[in-house]
């Protein structure tokens, strides 16, 4: 006996992401929470750059390479969603401090 019924996504040839909402794809964080944690988020990004620059220094990479990587990582992280909370000058300062220790 042949089954009949609803067409599935597979049978229609559509990709699952076409026209189907997935709540987990778009984080909707209330502004109050973003404002309350702004200092912590900023400190987290500073620490990320500081740790990454220190690691590259311990691996023997040159300062220019570490700066390029840290700037690139921050640009990539915020490529689609907003602006990086750290300016390029702040990232340069953090990398310089990691290499001057």
Protein backbone atom coordinates (compact mmCIF):
# COMPACT_ATOMS: atom_id res chain seq x y z
CA UNK A 1 0.00 0.00 0.00
CA UNK A 2 1.29 3.42 -0.93
CA UNK A 3 1.52 6.06 1.81
CA UNK A 4 0.00 9.44 1.16
CA UNK A 5 0.04 12.46 3.37
CA UNK A 6 1.83 15.68 3.97
CA UNK A 7 4.90 16.49 1.97
CA UNK A 8 7.98 16.67 4.11
CA UNK A 9 10.83 19.12 3.75
CA UNK A 10 12.88 16.35 2.22
CA UNK A 11 10.29 15.59 -0.41
CA UNK A 12 9.77 19.24 -1.34
CA UNK A 13 13.46 19.86 -1.93
CA UNK A 14 13.53 22.89 0.37
CA UNK A 15 16.35 23.53 2.76
CA UNK A 16 15.31 23.39 6.42
CA UNK A 17 16.35 27.02 6.94
CA UNK A 18 14.11 28.34 4.18
CA UNK A 19 11.01 29.79 5.71
CA UNK A 20 11.20 27.92 8.98
CA UNK A 21 11.73 29.94 12.14
CA UNK A 22 14.27 28.71 14.64
CA UNK A 23 14.28 30.69 17.87
CA UNK A 24 17.79 29.60 18.75
CA UNK A 25 19.29 31.27 15.66
CA UNK A 26 18.51 34.83 16.79
CA UNK A 27 19.23 35.62 20.41
CA UNK A 28 16.86 38.26 21.69
CA UNK A 29 18.53 39.62 24.81
CA UNK A 30 16.63 42.40 26.58
CA UNK A 31 18.39 45.77 26.63
CA UNK A 32 18.29 45.83 30.42
CA UNK A 33 20.44 42.72 30.62
CA UNK A 34 22.87 44.02 28.02
CA UNK A 35 23.23 47.30 29.91
CA UNK A 36 23.65 45.58 33.26
CA UNK A 37 26.44 43.34 31.98
CA UNK A 38 28.20 45.86 29.73
CA UNK A 39 31.23 46.20 32.02
CA UNK A 40 31.58 42.45 32.37
CA UNK A 41 31.33 41.95 28.61
CA UNK A 42 33.96 44.62 28.00
CA UNK A 43 36.28 42.99 30.57
CA UNK A 44 35.72 39.60 28.92
CA UNK A 45 36.81 40.93 25.51
CA UNK A 46 39.83 42.65 27.06
CA UNK A 47 40.83 39.39 28.75
CA UNK A 48 40.41 37.47 25.50
CA UNK A 49 42.79 39.80 23.66
CA UNK A 50 45.23 39.81 26.59
CA UNK A 51 45.32 36.00 26.82
CA UNK A 52 45.59 35.52 23.06
CA UNK A 53 48.44 38.04 22.78
CA UNK A 54 50.26 36.44 25.71
CA UNK A 55 49.92 33.01 24.15
CA UNK A 56 51.27 34.19 20.82
CA UNK A 57 54.17 35.88 22.64
CA UNK A 58 55.01 32.65 24.49
CA UNK A 59 54.87 30.78 21.18
CA UNK A 60 57.55 33.11 19.84
CA UNK A 61 55.40 34.97 17.33
CA UNK A 62 56.31 38.58 16.54
CA UNK A 63 54.28 41.46 17.95
CA UNK A 64 52.95 42.48 14.53
CA UNK A 65 51.62 38.96 13.93
CA UNK A 66 49.91 38.92 17.34
CA UNK A 67 48.36 42.32 16.69
CA UNK A 68 47.12 41.20 13.28
CA UNK A 69 45.59 38.04 14.77
CA UNK A 70 43.93 39.85 17.67
CA UNK A 71 42.47 42.55 15.43
CA UNK A 72 41.29 39.91 12.95
CA UNK A 73 39.68 37.79 15.64
CA UNK A 74 37.72 40.72 17.02
CA UNK A 75 36.62 41.81 13.54
CA UNK A 76 35.52 38.26 12.73
CA UNK A 77 33.65 37.88 16.00
CA UNK A 78 31.58 41.00 15.32
CA UNK A 79 31.39 40.73 11.54
CA UNK A 80 27.69 39.93 11.46
CA UNK A 81 26.40 41.23 14.77
CA UNK A 82 27.32 44.70 15.90
CA UNK A 83 30.54 46.47 16.66
CA UNK A 84 33.45 45.30 18.72
CA UNK A 85 33.39 46.94 22.16
CA UNK A 86 37.18 47.40 21.97
CA UNK A 87 38.65 49.98 19.66
CA UNK A 88 41.68 49.17 17.53
CA UNK A 89 43.78 51.43 19.75
CA UNK A 90 42.68 49.53 22.85
CA UNK A 91 43.58 46.22 21.19
CA UNK A 92 46.99 47.65 20.20
CA UNK A 93 47.57 48.73 23.81
CA UNK A 94 46.64 45.30 25.18
CA UNK A 95 48.93 43.51 22.72
CA UNK A 96 51.78 45.91 23.45
CA UNK A 97 51.33 45.33 27.21
CA UNK A 98 51.38 41.55 26.73
CA UNK A 99 54.66 41.75 24.83
CA UNK A 100 56.28 44.23 27.22
CA UNK A 101 55.97 41.95 30.24
